[in-house]
């Protein structure tokens, strides 16, 4: 399960046609989940200036 105790979601499995995704693909997904919301907030703030 993913997430902290008491707030866990289901496991996430990432696959490609040839099988499970490799570590670089998983790193890309993790980075996008981390940095994309921050980037979107910065873009919204820049548009309001």
PDB file of N, CA and C in Angstrom:
ATOM      1  N   UNK A   1       0.841  -1.176   0.000  1.00  0.00           N
ATOM      2  CA  UNK A   1       0.000   0.000   0.000  1.00  0.00           C
ATOM      3  C   UNK A   1       0.886   1.239   0.000  1.00  0.00           C
ATOM      4  N   UNK A   2       0.388   2.295  -0.597  1.00  0.00           N
ATOM      5  CA  UNK A   2       1.130   3.548  -0.649  1.00  0.00           C
ATOM      6  C   UNK A   2       0.551   4.538   0.344  1.00  0.00           C
ATOM      7  N   UNK A   3       1.372   5.452   0.831  1.00  0.00           N
ATOM      8  CA  UNK A   3       0.906   6.499   1.731  1.00  0.00           C
ATOM      9  C   UNK A   3       1.125   6.167   3.189  1.00  0.00           C
ATOM     10  N   UNK A   4       0.899   7.173   4.042  1.00  0.00           N
ATOM     11  CA  UNK A   4       1.095   6.986   5.478  1.00  0.00           C
ATOM     12  C   UNK A   4      -0.039   6.160   6.099  1.00  0.00           C
ATOM     13  N   UNK A   5       0.217   5.611   7.286  1.00  0.00           N
ATOM     14  CA  UNK A   5      -0.817   4.854   7.995  1.00  0.00           C
ATOM     15  C   UNK A   5      -2.073   5.702   8.146  1.00  0.00           C
ATOM     16  N   UNK A   6      -3.214   5.102   7.973  1.00  0.00           N
ATOM     17  CA  UNK A   6      -4.481   5.795   8.123  1.00  0.00           C
ATOM     18  C   UNK A   6      -4.929   6.537   6.875  1.00  0.00           C
ATOM     19  N   UNK A   7      -4.043   6.675   5.883  1.00  0.00           N
ATOM     20  CA  UNK A   7      -4.393   7.382   4.647  1.00  0.00           C
ATOM     21  C   UNK A   7      -3.718   6.685   3.468  1.00  0.00           C
ATOM     22  N   UNK A   8      -3.917   5.396   3.378  1.00  0.00           N
ATOM     23  CA  UNK A   8      -3.232   4.630   2.348  1.00  0.00           C
ATOM     24  C   UNK A   8      -4.110   4.398   1.142  1.00  0.00           C
ATOM     25  N   UNK A   9      -3.487   4.524  -0.004  1.00  0.00           N
ATOM     26  CA  UNK A   9      -4.158   4.212  -1.248  1.00  0.00           C
ATOM     27  C   UNK A   9      -3.730   2.842  -1.737  1.00  0.00           C
ATOM     28  N   UNK A  10      -4.250   2.472  -2.866  1.00  0.00           N
ATOM     29  CA  UNK A  10      -3.886   1.179  -3.438  1.00  0.00           C
ATOM     30  C   UNK A  10      -2.485   1.249  -4.026  1.00  0.00           C
ATOM     31  N   UNK A  11      -1.849   0.096  -4.162  1.00  0.00           N
ATOM     32  CA  UNK A  11      -0.547   0.029  -4.815  1.00  0.00           C
ATOM     33  C   UNK A  11      -0.680   0.456  -6.270  1.00  0.00           C
ATOM     34  N   UNK A  12       0.400   0.988  -6.806  1.00  0.00           N
ATOM     35  CA  UNK A  12       0.433   1.414  -8.199  1.00  0.00           C
ATOM     36  C   UNK A  12       1.457   0.543  -8.923  1.00  0.00           C
ATOM     37  N   UNK A  13       1.048  -0.051 -10.025  1.00  0.00           N
ATOM     38  CA  UNK A  13       1.946  -0.874 -10.827  1.00  0.00           C
ATOM     39  C   UNK A  13       2.112  -0.216 -12.186  1.00  0.00           C
ATOM     40  N   UNK A  14       3.358   0.025 -12.587  1.00  0.00           N
ATOM     41  CA  UNK A  14       3.647   0.656 -13.868  1.00  0.00           C
ATOM     42  C   UNK A  14       4.290  -0.394 -14.763  1.00  0.00           C
ATOM     43  N   UNK A  15       3.666  -0.637 -15.913  1.00  0.00           N
ATOM     44  CA  UNK A  15       4.199  -1.628 -16.837  1.00  0.00           C
ATOM     45  C   UNK A  15       4.328  -1.028 -18.230  1.00  0.00           C
ATOM     46  N   UNK A  16       5.154  -1.665 -19.012  1.00  0.00           N
ATOM     47  CA  UNK A  16       5.294  -1.367 -20.435  1.00  0.00           C
ATOM     48  C   UNK A  16       4.903  -2.636 -21.177  1.00  0.00           C
ATOM     49  N   UNK A  17       4.886  -2.573 -22.486  1.00  0.00           N
ATOM     50  CA  UNK A  17       4.534  -3.776 -23.256  1.00  0.00           C
ATOM     51  C   UNK A  17       5.438  -4.952 -22.918  1.00  0.00           C
ATOM     52  N   UNK A  18       6.702  -4.643 -22.612  1.00  0.00           N
ATOM     53  CA  UNK A  18       7.668  -5.709 -22.365  1.00  0.00           C
ATOM     54  C   UNK A  18       7.715  -6.167 -20.910  1.00  0.00           C
ATOM     55  N   UNK A  19       6.929  -5.554 -20.027  1.00  0.00           N
ATOM     56  CA  UNK A  19       6.933  -5.956 -18.624  1.00  0.00           C
ATOM     57  C   UNK A  19       6.975  -4.759 -17.696  1.00  0.00           C
ATOM     58  N   UNK A  20       7.416  -4.963 -16.473  1.00  0.00           N
ATOM     59  CA  UNK A  20       7.449  -3.862 -15.498  1.00  0.00           C
ATOM     60  C   UNK A  20       8.337  -2.714 -15.969  1.00  0.00           C
ATOM     61  N   UNK A  21       7.954  -1.504 -15.614  1.00  0.00           N
ATOM     62  CA  UNK A  21       8.745  -0.328 -15.972  1.00  0.00           C
ATOM     63  C   UNK A  21      10.081  -0.355 -15.235  1.00  0.00           C
ATOM     64  N   UNK A  22      11.094   0.179 -15.884  1.00  0.00           N
ATOM     65  CA  UNK A  22      12.427   0.213 -15.285  1.00  0.00           C
ATOM     66  C   UNK A  22      12.538   1.380 -14.307  1.00  0.00           C
ATOM     67  N   UNK A  23      13.596   1.370 -13.536  1.00  0.00           N
ATOM     68  CA  UNK A  23      13.812   2.404 -12.517  1.00  0.00           C
ATOM     69  C   UNK A  23      13.809   3.821 -13.093  1.00  0.00           C
ATOM     70  N   UNK A  24      14.428   4.081 -14.256  1.00  0.00           N
ATOM     71  CA  UNK A  24      14.373   5.450 -14.789  1.00  0.00           C
ATOM     72  C   UNK A  24      12.946   5.933 -15.073  1.00  0.00           C
ATOM     73  N   UNK A  25      12.089   5.057 -15.562  1.00  0.00           N
ATOM     74  CA  UNK A  25      10.694   5.437 -15.790  1.00  0.00           C
ATOM     75  C   UNK A  25       9.987   5.745 -14.471  1.00  0.00           C
ATOM     76  N   UNK A  26      10.236   4.932 -13.475  1.00  0.00           N
ATOM     77  CA  UNK A  26       9.621   5.167 -12.170  1.00  0.00           C
ATOM     78  C   UNK A  26      10.144   6.460 -11.549  1.00  0.00           C
ATOM     79  N   UNK A  27      11.434   6.757 -11.735  1.00  0.00           N
ATOM     80  CA  UNK A  27      11.997   8.016 -11.242  1.00  0.00           C
ATOM     81  C   UNK A  27      11.347   9.210 -11.925  1.00  0.00           C
ATOM     82  N   UNK A  28      11.112   9.106 -13.232  1.00  0.00           N
ATOM     83  CA  UNK A  28      10.455  10.187 -13.967  1.00  0.00           C
ATOM     84  C   UNK A  28       9.048  10.432 -13.432  1.00  0.00           C
ATOM     85  N   UNK A  29       8.307   9.380 -13.199  1.00  0.00           N
ATOM     86  CA  UNK A  29       6.949   9.516 -12.669  1.00  0.00           C
ATOM     87  C   UNK A  29       6.973  10.140 -11.278  1.00  0.00           C
ATOM     88  N   UNK A  30       7.890   9.697 -10.440  1.00  0.00           N
ATOM     89  CA  UNK A  30       7.992  10.249  -9.083  1.00  0.00           C
ATOM     90  C   UNK A  30       8.362  11.725  -9.123  1.00  0.00           C
ATOM     91  N   UNK A  31       9.289  12.095  -9.995  1.00  0.00           N
ATOM     92  CA  UNK A  31       9.684  13.502 -10.102  1.00  0.00           C
ATOM     93  C   UNK A  31       8.527  14.352 -10.605  1.00  0.00           C
ATOM     94  N   UNK A  32       7.786  13.848 -11.572  1.00  0.00           N
ATOM     95  CA  UNK A  32       6.647  14.599 -12.094  1.00  0.00           C
ATOM     96  C   UNK A  32       5.596  14.819 -11.013  1.00  0.00           C
ATOM     97  N   UNK A  33       5.336  13.808 -10.217  1.00  0.00           N
ATOM     98  CA  UNK A  33       4.358  13.956  -9.131  1.00  0.00           C
ATOM     99  C   UNK A  33       4.820  14.977  -8.106  1.00  0.00           C
ATOM    100  N   UNK A  34       6.130  15.093  -7.929  1.00  0.00           N
ATOM    101  CA  UNK A  34       6.684  16.022  -6.952  1.00  0.00           C
ATOM    102  C   UNK A  34       6.740  17.442  -7.487  1.00  0.00           C
ATOM    103  N   UNK A  35       7.266  17.613  -8.695  1.00  0.00           N
ATOM    104  CA  UNK A  35       7.582  18.949  -9.198  1.00  0.00           C
ATOM    105  C   UNK A  35       6.504  19.581 -10.060  1.00  0.00           C
ATOM    106  N   UNK A  36       5.660  18.809 -10.699  1.00  0.00           N
ATOM    107  CA  UNK A  36       4.649  19.385 -11.576  1.00  0.00           C
ATOM    108  C   UNK A  36       3.667  20.290 -10.839  1.00  0.00           C
ATOM    109  N   UNK A  37       3.133  19.909  -9.689  1.00  0.00           N
ATOM    110  CA  UNK A  37       2.237  20.829  -8.974  1.00  0.00           C
ATOM    111  C   UNK A  37       2.927  22.147  -8.595  1.00  0.00           C
ATOM    112  N   UNK A  38       4.198  22.087  -8.231  1.00  0.00           N
ATOM    113  CA  UNK A  38       4.946  23.300  -7.882  1.00  0.00           C
ATOM    114  C   UNK A  38       5.103  24.180  -9.113  1.00  0.00           C
ATOM    115  N   UNK A  39       5.440  23.585 -10.243  1.00  0.00           N
ATOM    116  CA  UNK A  39       5.598  24.332 -11.483  1.00  0.00           C
ATOM    117  C   UNK A  39       4.286  24.988 -11.896  1.00  0.00           C
ATOM    118  N   UNK A  40       3.191  24.277 -11.785  1.00  0.00           N
ATOM    119  CA  UNK A  40       1.885  24.838 -12.138  1.00  0.00           C
ATOM    120  C   UNK A  40       1.555  26.022 -11.238  1.00  0.00           C
ATOM    121  N   UNK A  41       1.814  25.911  -9.944  1.00  0.00           N
ATOM    122  CA  UNK A  41       1.578  27.033  -9.028  1.00  0.00           C
ATOM    123  C   UNK A  41       2.420  28.242  -9.408  1.00  0.00           C
ATOM    124  N   UNK A  42       3.679  28.024  -9.778  1.00  0.00           N
ATOM    125  CA  UNK A  42       4.549  29.127 -10.175  1.00  0.00           C
ATOM    126  C   UNK A  42       4.054  29.787 -11.454  1.00  0.00           C
ATOM    127  N   UNK A  43       3.580  29.002 -12.404  1.00  0.00           N
ATOM    128  CA  UNK A  43       3.043  29.564 -13.638  1.00  0.00           C
ATOM    129  C   UNK A  43       1.789  30.387 -13.370  1.00  0.00           C
ATOM    130  N   UNK A  44       0.921  29.895 -12.516  1.00  0.00           N
ATOM    131  CA  UNK A  44      -0.291  30.654 -12.176  1.00  0.00           C
ATOM    132  C   UNK A  44       0.060  31.972 -11.498  1.00  0.00           C
ATOM    133  N   UNK A  45       1.024  31.938 -10.595  1.00  0.00           N
ATOM    134  CA  UNK A  45       1.447  33.159  -9.907  1.00  0.00           C
ATOM    135  C   UNK A  45       2.066  34.144 -10.894  1.00  0.00           C
ATOM    136  N   UNK A  46       2.854  33.656 -11.833  1.00  0.00           N
ATOM    137  CA  UNK A  46       3.486  34.534 -12.822  1.00  0.00           C
ATOM    138  C   UNK A  46       2.446  35.175 -13.731  1.00  0.00           C
ATOM    139  N   UNK A  47       1.392  34.463 -14.059  1.00  0.00           N
ATOM    140  CA  UNK A  47       0.334  35.016 -14.918  1.00  0.00           C
ATOM    141  C   UNK A  47      -0.452  36.113 -14.212  1.00  0.00           C
ATOM    142  N   UNK A  48      -0.522  36.059 -12.906  1.00  0.00           N
ATOM    143  CA  UNK A  48      -1.287  37.058 -12.152  1.00  0.00           C
ATOM    144  C   UNK A  48      -0.510  38.342 -11.931  1.00  0.00           C
ATOM    145  N   UNK A  49       0.780  38.342 -12.209  1.00  0.00           N
ATOM    146  CA  UNK A  49       1.595  39.543 -11.998  1.00  0.00           C
ATOM    147  C   UNK A  49       1.440  40.517 -13.130  1.00  0.00           C
TER     148      UNK A  49
END
